[in-house]
Amino acid sequence: MHPEWEKVRKVELHLAWMVQGPMGYGLLFKVNPYSLYPSKESALEALRKLLEKPLDQDPKVGQNRAPTGLLPEERARLLTGVEAQGQGFVPVGRYALLAELYEVEEAPLFRARFREENAPLRSLEGLFCRLVHTPLGEEEHQVLGEGLLECKEEGLRIGKVSLCLLPETLVEGVAFEEAWWSDQEGHWYVYRLEVADGPT
């Protein structure tokens, strides 16, 4: 298997404001939506930096404002819990800040030319996939085909649909999951379907 196709261990940092309700604490909003790090140490460093700033929601995903701030001793207590047990929880009035570290396995995002043996599209060969196209200048996408993916020298075939690809086409994606590229006709996207998701 090509190195780019192998899953790697990463650490996910989950930092969220919780709010107390009749059934206990529930999620109010997640502070950091993009939170994978190569090691526990780098995740802890990211947490320390996050705790130095206002703990509002990342503007890329929403406009929620932090309900309250943390005192220095509360920050220290949260960090101590995460360092020792992988989890910290600090109540602040009817709210609480929760920080957790999880070890996860994830295939990396990478890019390669279509002609290369390690290209993301080639990892999907033999799997049940869907081909989607978004023409240039348009927002609506079209599902063009579903079926087993075959990679050939001149392009690919999914179900009854054949598509030509230049050998130099730069394809981006995640091995065994999805691949995408663009050309003069628009944007193309291939992703794996579970067999149960396919046509009946």
N, C-alpha and C. Protein backbone atom coordinates (compact mmCIF):
# COMPACT_ATOMS: atom_id res chain seq x y z
N MET A 1 0.84 -1.19 0.00
CA MET A 1 0.00 0.00 0.00
C MET A 1 0.89 1.25 0.00
N HIS A 2 0.48 2.25 -0.75
CA HIS A 2 1.23 3.49 -0.81
C HIS A 2 1.14 4.22 0.53
N PRO A 3 2.23 4.89 0.95
CA PRO A 3 2.20 5.58 2.25
C PRO A 3 1.06 6.59 2.38
N GLU A 4 0.72 7.26 1.27
CA GLU A 4 -0.35 8.26 1.31
C GLU A 4 -1.72 7.63 1.55
N TRP A 5 -1.83 6.31 1.34
CA TRP A 5 -3.11 5.63 1.50
C TRP A 5 -3.31 5.12 2.92
N GLU A 6 -2.25 5.15 3.74
CA GLU A 6 -2.33 4.58 5.07
C GLU A 6 -2.86 5.60 6.07
N LYS A 7 -3.68 5.13 6.98
CA LYS A 7 -4.19 6.01 8.03
C LYS A 7 -3.07 6.31 9.03
N VAL A 8 -3.11 7.51 9.57
CA VAL A 8 -2.12 7.91 10.56
C VAL A 8 -2.84 8.30 11.85
N ARG A 9 -2.15 8.08 12.95
CA ARG A 9 -2.73 8.43 14.25
C ARG A 9 -2.58 9.93 14.49
N LYS A 10 -3.67 10.55 14.91
CA LYS A 10 -3.65 11.97 15.25
C LYS A 10 -4.41 12.17 16.55
N VAL A 11 -4.28 13.35 17.09
CA VAL A 11 -4.98 13.68 18.33
C VAL A 11 -5.99 14.78 18.03
N GLU A 12 -7.24 14.54 18.39
CA GLU A 12 -8.29 15.54 18.20
C GLU A 12 -8.52 16.28 19.50
N LEU A 13 -8.55 17.60 19.38
CA LEU A 13 -8.86 18.44 20.53
C LEU A 13 -10.30 18.92 20.40
N HIS A 14 -11.08 18.62 21.40
CA HIS A 14 -12.49 19.04 21.44
C HIS A 14 -12.60 20.07 22.55
N LEU A 15 -12.96 21.31 22.20
CA LEU A 15 -13.13 22.38 23.17
C LEU A 15 -14.51 22.99 22.96
N ALA A 16 -15.36 22.94 23.97
CA ALA A 16 -16.74 23.36 23.76
C ALA A 16 -17.33 23.97 25.03
N TRP A 17 -18.22 24.92 24.80
CA TRP A 17 -19.03 25.46 25.88
C TRP A 17 -20.26 24.59 26.05
N MET A 18 -20.56 24.26 27.30
CA MET A 18 -21.74 23.50 27.65
C MET A 18 -22.69 24.41 28.43
N VAL A 19 -23.97 24.07 28.43
CA VAL A 19 -24.95 24.84 29.19
C VAL A 19 -25.80 23.87 29.99
N GLN A 20 -26.12 24.25 31.22
CA GLN A 20 -26.88 23.37 32.10
C GLN A 20 -28.37 23.47 31.80
N GLY A 21 -28.99 22.30 31.67
CA GLY A 21 -30.41 22.23 31.43
C GLY A 21 -31.06 21.25 32.37
N PRO A 22 -32.33 20.93 32.17
CA PRO A 22 -33.03 20.01 33.09
C PRO A 22 -32.44 18.60 33.10
N MET A 23 -31.78 18.20 32.00
CA MET A 23 -31.21 16.85 31.91
C MET A 23 -29.70 16.85 32.16
N GLY A 24 -29.15 17.95 32.67
CA GLY A 24 -27.71 18.04 32.87
C GLY A 24 -27.09 18.97 31.82
N TYR A 25 -25.80 18.85 31.64
CA TYR A 25 -25.11 19.73 30.70
C TYR A 25 -25.30 19.25 29.26
N GLY A 26 -25.54 20.20 28.36
CA GLY A 26 -25.64 19.90 26.93
C GLY A 26 -24.75 20.86 26.15
N LEU A 27 -24.43 20.49 24.93
CA LEU A 27 -23.54 21.30 24.09
C LEU A 27 -24.19 22.64 23.75
N LEU A 28 -23.46 23.73 23.96
CA LEU A 28 -23.89 25.06 23.53
C LEU A 28 -23.27 25.36 22.16
N PHE A 29 -21.94 25.29 22.07
CA PHE A 29 -21.25 25.34 20.77
C PHE A 29 -19.80 24.91 20.94
N LYS A 30 -19.24 24.42 19.84
CA LYS A 30 -17.84 24.01 19.82
C LYS A 30 -16.98 25.23 19.48
N VAL A 31 -15.93 25.44 20.24
CA VAL A 31 -15.06 26.60 20.04
C VAL A 31 -14.16 26.41 18.82
N ASN A 32 -13.59 25.22 18.67
CA ASN A 32 -12.57 24.99 17.63
C ASN A 32 -13.01 23.89 16.67
N PRO A 33 -13.47 24.23 15.47
CA PRO A 33 -13.96 23.19 14.56
C PRO A 33 -12.86 22.40 13.85
N TYR A 34 -11.65 22.96 13.71
CA TYR A 34 -10.58 22.29 12.96
C TYR A 34 -9.50 21.91 13.96
N SER A 35 -9.47 20.67 14.40
CA SER A 35 -8.77 20.38 15.64
C SER A 35 -7.95 19.10 15.66
N LEU A 36 -7.36 18.70 14.53
CA LEU A 36 -6.52 17.50 14.52
C LEU A 36 -5.05 17.90 14.60
N TYR A 37 -4.31 17.21 15.44
CA TYR A 37 -2.90 17.53 15.67
C TYR A 37 -2.07 16.24 15.62
N PRO A 38 -0.78 16.36 15.27
CA PRO A 38 0.04 15.15 15.13
C PRO A 38 0.39 14.47 16.44
N SER A 39 0.28 15.16 17.57
CA SER A 39 0.67 14.56 18.85
C SER A 39 -0.12 15.20 20.00
N LYS A 40 -0.06 14.55 21.15
CA LYS A 40 -0.73 15.09 22.35
C LYS A 40 -0.10 16.43 22.73
N GLU A 41 1.23 16.51 22.59
CA GLU A 41 1.93 17.75 22.97
C GLU A 41 1.48 18.92 22.10
N SER A 42 1.34 18.70 20.79
CA SER A 42 0.92 19.80 19.91
C SER A 42 -0.54 20.17 20.16
N ALA A 43 -1.38 19.19 20.53
CA ALA A 43 -2.77 19.49 20.85
C ALA A 43 -2.86 20.30 22.15
N LEU A 44 -2.02 19.95 23.13
CA LEU A 44 -2.01 20.71 24.39
C LEU A 44 -1.52 22.14 24.16
N GLU A 45 -0.53 22.29 23.29
CA GLU A 45 -0.03 23.63 22.97
C GLU A 45 -1.12 24.47 22.30
N ALA A 46 -1.88 23.83 21.39
CA ALA A 46 -2.99 24.53 20.73
C ALA A 46 -4.05 24.93 21.76
N LEU A 47 -4.32 24.06 22.74
CA LEU A 47 -5.30 24.36 23.78
C LEU A 47 -4.83 25.56 24.62
N ARG A 48 -3.54 25.58 24.97
CA ARG A 48 -3.02 26.70 25.75
C ARG A 48 -3.22 28.02 25.00
N LYS A 49 -2.97 28.02 23.70
CA LYS A 49 -3.13 29.24 22.90
C LYS A 49 -4.60 29.64 22.79
N LEU A 50 -5.48 28.65 22.65
CA LEU A 50 -6.91 28.95 22.58
C LEU A 50 -7.40 29.59 23.88
N LEU A 51 -6.88 29.12 25.00
CA LEU A 51 -7.33 29.62 26.30
C LEU A 51 -6.84 31.04 26.58
N GLU A 52 -5.88 31.51 25.79
CA GLU A 52 -5.39 32.88 25.96
C GLU A 52 -6.30 33.90 25.28
N LYS A 53 -7.22 33.42 24.40
CA LYS A 53 -8.07 34.32 23.62
C LYS A 53 -9.53 34.20 24.09
N PRO A 54 -10.39 35.13 23.64
CA PRO A 54 -11.82 34.95 23.93
C PRO A 54 -12.31 33.63 23.33
N LEU A 55 -13.11 32.91 24.06
CA LEU A 55 -13.52 31.56 23.66
C LEU A 55 -14.85 31.58 22.92
N ASP A 56 -14.92 32.46 21.89
CA ASP A 56 -16.11 32.51 21.05
C ASP A 56 -16.02 31.43 19.98
N GLN A 57 -17.13 31.19 19.30
CA GLN A 57 -17.15 30.21 18.22
C GLN A 57 -16.32 30.71 17.04
N ASP A 58 -15.64 29.79 16.39
CA ASP A 58 -14.87 30.15 15.19
C ASP A 58 -15.82 30.79 14.18
N PRO A 59 -15.49 32.00 13.67
CA PRO A 59 -16.41 32.69 12.76
C PRO A 59 -16.68 31.94 11.45
N LYS A 60 -15.82 30.97 11.11
CA LYS A 60 -16.05 30.19 9.88
C LYS A 60 -17.30 29.32 9.99
N VAL A 61 -17.68 28.97 11.21
CA VAL A 61 -18.81 28.06 11.36
C VAL A 61 -20.00 28.64 12.13
N GLY A 62 -19.85 29.85 12.66
CA GLY A 62 -20.98 30.44 13.37
C GLY A 62 -20.59 31.71 14.08
N GLN A 63 -21.58 32.37 14.63
CA GLN A 63 -21.35 33.67 15.27
C GLN A 63 -21.66 33.63 16.77
N ASN A 64 -21.66 32.46 17.39
CA ASN A 64 -21.96 32.39 18.82
C ASN A 64 -20.85 33.03 19.64
N ARG A 65 -21.25 33.80 20.65
CA ARG A 65 -20.29 34.46 21.52
C ARG A 65 -20.16 33.67 22.81
N ALA A 66 -18.93 33.66 23.35
CA ALA A 66 -18.72 32.95 24.61
C ALA A 66 -19.62 33.52 25.69
N PRO A 67 -20.30 32.67 26.45
CA PRO A 67 -21.24 33.16 27.47
C PRO A 67 -20.54 33.81 28.65
N THR A 68 -19.26 33.52 28.86
CA THR A 68 -18.52 34.06 30.00
C THR A 68 -17.03 33.83 29.76
N GLY A 69 -16.21 34.40 30.60
CA GLY A 69 -14.77 34.19 30.49
C GLY A 69 -14.27 33.28 31.59
N LEU A 70 -13.02 32.86 31.48
CA LEU A 70 -12.42 32.02 32.52
C LEU A 70 -11.43 32.84 33.33
N LEU A 71 -11.40 32.62 34.61
CA LEU A 71 -10.39 33.21 35.46
C LEU A 71 -9.09 32.43 35.29
N PRO A 72 -7.94 33.03 35.59
CA PRO A 72 -6.65 32.32 35.44
C PRO A 72 -6.62 30.98 36.15
N GLU A 73 -7.19 30.92 37.38
CA GLU A 73 -7.17 29.65 38.11
C GLU A 73 -8.08 28.60 37.46
N GLU A 74 -9.15 29.05 36.78
CA GLU A 74 -10.02 28.11 36.07
C GLU A 74 -9.32 27.56 34.83
N ARG A 75 -8.59 28.42 34.12
CA ARG A 75 -7.79 27.95 32.97
C ARG A 75 -6.78 26.90 33.43
N ALA A 76 -6.10 27.20 34.54
CA ALA A 76 -5.08 26.27 35.05
C ALA A 76 -5.71 24.94 35.42
N ARG A 77 -6.90 24.97 36.04
CA ARG A 77 -7.59 23.73 36.44
C ARG A 77 -7.98 22.91 35.22
N LEU A 78 -8.47 23.59 34.18
CA LEU A 78 -8.85 22.91 32.93
C LEU A 78 -7.63 22.23 32.30
N LEU A 79 -6.52 22.97 32.20
CA LEU A 79 -5.30 22.41 31.60
C LEU A 79 -4.76 21.23 32.40
N THR A 80 -4.81 21.34 33.72
CA THR A 80 -4.31 20.25 34.58
C THR A 80 -5.11 18.97 34.34
N GLY A 81 -6.43 19.11 34.22
CA GLY A 81 -7.26 17.93 33.96
C GLY A 81 -6.97 17.30 32.62
N VAL A 82 -6.79 18.13 31.59
CA VAL A 82 -6.51 17.59 30.25
C VAL A 82 -5.15 16.92 30.21
N GLU A 83 -4.15 17.54 30.83
CA GLU A 83 -2.80 16.96 30.84
C GLU A 83 -2.77 15.62 31.58
N ALA A 84 -3.50 15.53 32.68
CA ALA A 84 -3.46 14.32 33.51
C ALA A 84 -4.37 13.21 33.02
N GLN A 85 -5.59 13.57 32.57
CA GLN A 85 -6.59 12.55 32.26
C GLN A 85 -7.14 12.63 30.84
N GLY A 86 -6.68 13.61 30.06
CA GLY A 86 -7.20 13.77 28.70
C GLY A 86 -8.52 14.49 28.66
N GLN A 87 -8.99 15.00 29.82
CA GLN A 87 -10.26 15.71 29.86
C GLN A 87 -10.25 16.73 30.99
N GLY A 88 -10.80 17.91 30.69
CA GLY A 88 -10.96 18.94 31.71
C GLY A 88 -12.36 19.51 31.62
N PHE A 89 -12.94 19.84 32.77
CA PHE A 89 -14.31 20.34 32.82
C PHE A 89 -14.37 21.39 33.92
N VAL A 90 -14.70 22.64 33.54
CA VAL A 90 -14.74 23.73 34.51
C VAL A 90 -16.11 24.40 34.48
N PRO A 91 -16.93 24.21 35.53
CA PRO A 91 -18.22 24.92 35.61
C PRO A 91 -17.99 26.41 35.84
N VAL A 92 -18.77 27.23 35.14
CA VAL A 92 -18.72 28.68 35.31
C VAL A 92 -20.17 29.17 35.31
N GLY A 93 -20.76 29.33 36.50
CA GLY A 93 -22.17 29.67 36.57
C GLY A 93 -23.00 28.53 36.00
N ARG A 94 -23.96 28.86 35.12
CA ARG A 94 -24.78 27.80 34.51
C ARG A 94 -24.12 27.21 33.27
N TYR A 95 -22.93 27.68 32.95
CA TYR A 95 -22.17 27.16 31.81
C TYR A 95 -20.99 26.34 32.31
N ALA A 96 -20.30 25.68 31.37
CA ALA A 96 -19.07 24.97 31.70
C ALA A 96 -18.25 24.86 30.42
N LEU A 97 -16.95 24.89 30.58
CA LEU A 97 -16.05 24.69 29.44
C LEU A 97 -15.49 23.28 29.52
N LEU A 98 -15.63 22.54 28.43
CA LEU A 98 -15.17 21.15 28.36
C LEU A 98 -14.04 21.07 27.35
N ALA A 99 -12.93 20.43 27.74
CA ALA A 99 -11.81 20.18 26.84
C ALA A 99 -11.46 18.70 26.91
N GLU A 100 -11.33 18.05 25.74
CA GLU A 100 -11.02 16.62 25.69
C GLU A 100 -10.03 16.34 24.57
N LEU A 101 -9.17 15.36 24.78
CA LEU A 101 -8.26 14.87 23.75
C LEU A 101 -8.65 13.44 23.39
N TYR A 102 -8.74 13.17 22.08
CA TYR A 102 -9.04 11.82 21.60
C TYR A 102 -7.96 11.41 20.60
N GLU A 103 -7.56 10.16 20.67
CA GLU A 103 -6.67 9.64 19.64
C GLU A 103 -7.52 9.06 18.52
N VAL A 104 -7.27 9.47 17.29
CA VAL A 104 -8.05 9.01 16.14
C VAL A 104 -7.11 8.55 15.04
N GLU A 105 -7.63 7.74 14.13
CA GLU A 105 -6.89 7.34 12.94
C GLU A 105 -7.55 8.00 11.75
N GLU A 106 -6.76 8.64 10.90
CA GLU A 106 -7.33 9.33 9.76
C GLU A 106 -6.40 9.22 8.57
N ALA A 107 -7.00 8.99 7.41
CA ALA A 107 -6.21 8.98 6.18
C ALA A 107 -5.90 10.42 5.81
N PRO A 108 -4.67 10.71 5.39
CA PRO A 108 -4.32 12.10 5.08
C PRO A 108 -4.90 12.57 3.75
N LEU A 109 -5.13 13.86 3.66
CA LEU A 109 -5.51 14.50 2.41
C LEU A 109 -4.22 14.69 1.61
N PHE A 110 -4.22 14.29 0.32
CA PHE A 110 -3.01 14.45 -0.49
C PHE A 110 -3.39 14.63 -1.95
N ARG A 111 -2.42 14.95 -2.78
CA ARG A 111 -2.66 15.13 -4.21
C ARG A 111 -1.58 14.43 -5.02
N ALA A 112 -1.97 13.98 -6.20
CA ALA A 112 -1.03 13.32 -7.11
C ALA A 112 -1.60 13.40 -8.53
N ARG A 113 -0.75 13.28 -9.53
CA ARG A 113 -1.19 13.26 -10.93
C ARG A 113 -1.97 11.98 -11.19
N PHE A 114 -2.95 12.05 -12.09
CA PHE A 114 -3.77 10.89 -12.40
C PHE A 114 -2.93 9.69 -12.84
N ARG A 115 -1.86 9.95 -13.59
CA ARG A 115 -1.03 8.86 -14.12
C ARG A 115 -0.24 8.13 -13.03
N GLU A 116 -0.09 8.76 -11.85
CA GLU A 116 0.74 8.17 -10.81
C GLU A 116 -0.02 7.05 -10.08
N GLU A 117 0.71 6.01 -9.71
CA GLU A 117 0.10 4.83 -9.10
C GLU A 117 -0.54 5.13 -7.74
N ASN A 118 -0.06 6.18 -7.07
CA ASN A 118 -0.60 6.49 -5.74
C ASN A 118 -1.74 7.49 -5.78
N ALA A 119 -2.23 7.88 -6.97
CA ALA A 119 -3.28 8.89 -7.08
C ALA A 119 -4.52 8.50 -6.27
N PRO A 120 -5.19 9.47 -5.65
CA PRO A 120 -6.37 9.15 -4.85
C PRO A 120 -7.42 8.36 -5.62
N LEU A 121 -7.61 8.67 -6.91
CA LEU A 121 -8.60 7.94 -7.70
C LEU A 121 -8.28 6.45 -7.76
N ARG A 122 -7.01 6.13 -7.85
CA ARG A 122 -6.62 4.71 -8.00
C ARG A 122 -6.89 3.91 -6.73
N SER A 123 -6.94 4.57 -5.58
CA SER A 123 -7.27 3.85 -4.34
C SER A 123 -8.74 3.43 -4.33
N LEU A 124 -9.57 4.11 -5.14
CA LEU A 124 -11.00 3.81 -5.20
C LEU A 124 -11.35 2.75 -6.24
N GLU A 125 -10.37 2.30 -6.99
CA GLU A 125 -10.63 1.34 -8.06
C GLU A 125 -11.23 0.05 -7.49
N GLY A 126 -12.30 -0.42 -8.13
CA GLY A 126 -12.98 -1.63 -7.69
C GLY A 126 -14.01 -1.39 -6.61
N LEU A 127 -14.14 -0.15 -6.14
CA LEU A 127 -15.12 0.18 -5.11
C LEU A 127 -16.35 0.83 -5.74
N PHE A 128 -17.49 0.71 -5.07
CA PHE A 128 -18.73 1.30 -5.57
C PHE A 128 -18.70 2.80 -5.30
N CYS A 129 -18.76 3.60 -6.35
CA CYS A 129 -18.57 5.05 -6.24
C CYS A 129 -19.65 5.82 -7.00
N ARG A 130 -19.70 7.12 -6.73
CA ARG A 130 -20.59 8.04 -7.45
C ARG A 130 -19.73 9.12 -8.08
N LEU A 131 -20.04 9.48 -9.33
CA LEU A 131 -19.35 10.55 -10.05
C LEU A 131 -20.27 11.76 -10.12
N VAL A 132 -19.76 12.91 -9.65
CA VAL A 132 -20.53 14.15 -9.61
C VAL A 132 -19.78 15.23 -10.37
N HIS A 133 -20.51 16.06 -11.13
CA HIS A 133 -19.89 17.13 -11.91
C HIS A 133 -20.60 18.46 -11.63
N THR A 134 -19.81 19.51 -11.41
CA THR A 134 -20.34 20.87 -11.28
C THR A 134 -19.74 21.69 -12.42
N PRO A 135 -20.55 22.07 -13.43
CA PRO A 135 -20.01 22.85 -14.56
C PRO A 135 -19.45 24.20 -14.09
N LEU A 136 -18.45 24.70 -14.82
CA LEU A 136 -17.85 25.99 -14.49
C LEU A 136 -18.92 27.08 -14.44
N GLY A 137 -18.84 27.93 -13.43
CA GLY A 137 -19.77 29.04 -13.30
C GLY A 137 -21.12 28.68 -12.74
N GLU A 138 -21.31 27.42 -12.38
CA GLU A 138 -22.60 26.99 -11.82
C GLU A 138 -22.40 26.44 -10.41
N GLU A 139 -23.47 26.46 -9.65
CA GLU A 139 -23.40 25.93 -8.29
C GLU A 139 -24.05 24.56 -8.18
N GLU A 140 -25.02 24.28 -9.06
CA GLU A 140 -25.71 23.00 -9.01
C GLU A 140 -24.83 21.89 -9.57
N HIS A 141 -24.79 20.78 -8.87
CA HIS A 141 -24.00 19.64 -9.36
C HIS A 141 -24.93 18.60 -9.98
N GLN A 142 -24.35 17.77 -10.82
CA GLN A 142 -25.09 16.70 -11.49
C GLN A 142 -24.45 15.37 -11.15
N VAL A 143 -25.26 14.41 -10.76
CA VAL A 143 -24.76 13.04 -10.56
C VAL A 143 -24.75 12.38 -11.93
N LEU A 144 -23.55 11.99 -12.39
CA LEU A 144 -23.42 11.42 -13.73
C LEU A 144 -23.44 9.90 -13.76
N GLY A 145 -22.99 9.30 -12.69
CA GLY A 145 -22.95 7.84 -12.71
C GLY A 145 -22.65 7.24 -11.36
N GLU A 146 -23.04 5.97 -11.21
CA GLU A 146 -22.74 5.20 -10.01
C GLU A 146 -22.36 3.80 -10.44
N GLY A 147 -21.42 3.21 -9.73
CA GLY A 147 -21.01 1.85 -10.04
C GLY A 147 -19.58 1.61 -9.60
N LEU A 148 -19.03 0.47 -10.02
CA LEU A 148 -17.64 0.16 -9.68
C LEU A 148 -16.72 1.05 -10.48
N LEU A 149 -15.71 1.58 -9.83
CA LEU A 149 -14.75 2.47 -10.50
C LEU A 149 -13.65 1.65 -11.16
N GLU A 150 -13.41 1.94 -12.44
CA GLU A 150 -12.29 1.37 -13.18
C GLU A 150 -11.39 2.51 -13.62
N CYS A 151 -10.10 2.40 -13.36
CA CYS A 151 -9.13 3.39 -13.84
C CYS A 151 -8.40 2.79 -15.04
N LYS A 152 -8.42 3.55 -16.14
CA LYS A 152 -7.75 3.12 -17.36
C LYS A 152 -6.70 4.15 -17.71
N GLU A 153 -5.88 3.85 -18.69
CA GLU A 153 -4.81 4.77 -19.08
C GLU A 153 -5.38 6.10 -19.55
N GLU A 154 -6.52 6.06 -20.24
CA GLU A 154 -7.09 7.28 -20.81
C GLU A 154 -8.11 7.96 -19.91
N GLY A 155 -8.43 7.37 -18.75
CA GLY A 155 -9.41 7.98 -17.88
C GLY A 155 -10.04 6.97 -16.95
N LEU A 156 -11.32 7.16 -16.66
CA LEU A 156 -11.99 6.26 -15.73
C LEU A 156 -13.37 5.90 -16.23
N ARG A 157 -13.91 4.88 -15.60
CA ARG A 157 -15.27 4.44 -15.90
C ARG A 157 -15.97 4.16 -14.58
N ILE A 158 -17.18 4.70 -14.42
CA ILE A 158 -18.01 4.41 -13.25
C ILE A 158 -19.36 3.98 -13.79
N GLY A 159 -19.72 2.73 -13.54
CA GLY A 159 -20.97 2.19 -14.09
C GLY A 159 -20.93 2.25 -15.60
N LYS A 160 -21.87 2.97 -16.21
CA LYS A 160 -21.93 3.06 -17.67
C LYS A 160 -21.28 4.33 -18.21
N VAL A 161 -20.69 5.13 -17.32
CA VAL A 161 -20.13 6.43 -17.72
C VAL A 161 -18.62 6.34 -17.82
N SER A 162 -18.08 6.76 -18.96
CA SER A 162 -16.63 6.86 -19.15
C SER A 162 -16.23 8.32 -19.20
N LEU A 163 -15.07 8.63 -18.67
CA LEU A 163 -14.60 10.00 -18.61
C LEU A 163 -13.10 10.02 -18.91
N CYS A 164 -12.70 10.87 -19.84
CA CYS A 164 -11.28 11.00 -20.18
C CYS A 164 -10.59 11.92 -19.20
N LEU A 165 -9.39 11.54 -18.79
CA LEU A 165 -8.56 12.39 -17.93
C LEU A 165 -7.15 12.44 -18.52
N LEU A 166 -6.58 13.63 -18.58
CA LEU A 166 -5.19 13.75 -19.01
C LEU A 166 -4.28 13.16 -17.94
N PRO A 167 -3.20 12.51 -18.33
CA PRO A 167 -2.30 11.91 -17.34
C PRO A 167 -1.77 12.91 -16.32
N GLU A 168 -1.66 14.19 -16.73
CA GLU A 168 -1.11 15.23 -15.84
C GLU A 168 -2.15 15.84 -14.91
N THR A 169 -3.41 15.42 -15.03
CA THR A 169 -4.46 16.00 -14.18
C THR A 169 -4.12 15.82 -12.72
N LEU A 170 -4.13 16.92 -11.98
CA LEU A 170 -3.82 16.88 -10.55
C LEU A 170 -5.10 16.52 -9.78
N VAL A 171 -5.05 15.40 -9.09
CA VAL A 171 -6.21 14.89 -8.35
C VAL A 171 -5.91 14.98 -6.86
N GLU A 172 -6.87 15.51 -6.11
CA GLU A 172 -6.74 15.64 -4.67
C GLU A 172 -7.76 14.72 -4.01
N GLY A 173 -7.46 14.26 -2.80
CA GLY A 173 -8.45 13.42 -2.14
C GLY A 173 -7.92 12.70 -0.92
N VAL A 174 -8.73 11.77 -0.43
CA VAL A 174 -8.41 10.92 0.71
C VAL A 174 -8.56 9.48 0.24
N ALA A 175 -7.53 8.70 0.41
CA ALA A 175 -7.53 7.32 -0.10
C ALA A 175 -8.73 6.52 0.40
N PHE A 176 -9.33 5.77 -0.54
CA PHE A 176 -10.47 4.88 -0.27
C PHE A 176 -11.75 5.61 0.11
N GLU A 177 -11.75 6.96 0.04
CA GLU A 177 -12.94 7.72 0.43
C GLU A 177 -13.43 8.65 -0.67
N GLU A 178 -12.56 9.54 -1.19
CA GLU A 178 -13.02 10.54 -2.15
C GLU A 178 -11.85 11.11 -2.93
N ALA A 179 -12.17 11.66 -4.10
CA ALA A 179 -11.16 12.31 -4.94
C ALA A 179 -11.85 13.39 -5.77
N TRP A 180 -11.11 14.48 -6.07
CA TRP A 180 -11.71 15.55 -6.87
C TRP A 180 -10.62 16.26 -7.68
N TRP A 181 -11.05 16.89 -8.76
CA TRP A 181 -10.15 17.64 -9.64
C TRP A 181 -10.99 18.62 -10.46
N SER A 182 -10.30 19.53 -11.15
CA SER A 182 -10.98 20.52 -11.99
C SER A 182 -10.33 20.56 -13.36
N ASP A 183 -11.13 20.93 -14.37
CA ASP A 183 -10.61 21.13 -15.72
C ASP A 183 -11.43 22.23 -16.39
N GLN A 184 -11.31 22.36 -17.71
CA GLN A 184 -12.01 23.44 -18.43
C GLN A 184 -13.53 23.29 -18.39
N GLU A 185 -14.01 22.09 -18.07
CA GLU A 185 -15.45 21.85 -18.04
C GLU A 185 -16.07 22.06 -16.66
N GLY A 186 -15.23 22.16 -15.65
CA GLY A 186 -15.77 22.35 -14.31
C GLY A 186 -15.06 21.52 -13.26
N HIS A 187 -15.79 21.17 -12.23
CA HIS A 187 -15.23 20.44 -11.09
C HIS A 187 -15.84 19.04 -11.05
N TRP A 188 -14.98 18.07 -10.80
CA TRP A 188 -15.39 16.66 -10.77
C TRP A 188 -15.12 16.10 -9.38
N TYR A 189 -16.00 15.20 -8.96
CA TYR A 189 -15.90 14.65 -7.61
C TYR A 189 -16.32 13.19 -7.65
N VAL A 190 -15.48 12.32 -7.12
CA VAL A 190 -15.80 10.89 -7.02
C VAL A 190 -15.72 10.52 -5.54
N TYR A 191 -16.78 9.89 -5.03
CA TYR A 191 -16.69 9.43 -3.66
C TYR A 191 -17.29 8.05 -3.51
N ARG A 192 -16.74 7.36 -2.53
CA ARG A 192 -17.17 5.99 -2.28
C ARG A 192 -18.54 5.96 -1.64
N LEU A 193 -19.37 5.02 -2.11
CA LEU A 193 -20.68 4.79 -1.52
C LEU A 193 -20.66 3.44 -0.80
N GLU A 194 -21.34 3.38 0.31
CA GLU A 194 -21.61 2.06 0.89
C GLU A 194 -22.58 1.38 -0.07
N VAL A 195 -22.48 0.08 -0.19
CA VAL A 195 -23.33 -0.63 -1.14
C VAL A 195 -24.80 -0.35 -0.86
N ALA A 196 -25.15 -0.20 0.42
CA ALA A 196 -26.55 0.06 0.79
C ALA A 196 -27.01 1.44 0.31
N ASP A 197 -26.02 2.37 0.02
CA ASP A 197 -26.38 3.70 -0.43
C ASP A 197 -26.64 3.75 -1.93
N GLY A 198 -26.25 2.69 -2.62
CA GLY A 198 -26.37 2.69 -4.08
C GLY A 198 -27.79 2.42 -4.53
N PRO A 199 -28.01 2.37 -5.86
CA PRO A 199 -29.35 2.15 -6.39
C PRO A 199 -29.86 0.78 -6.02
N THR A 200 -31.13 0.65 -5.79
CA THR A 200 -31.72 -0.64 -5.43
C THR A 200 -32.34 -1.29 -6.64
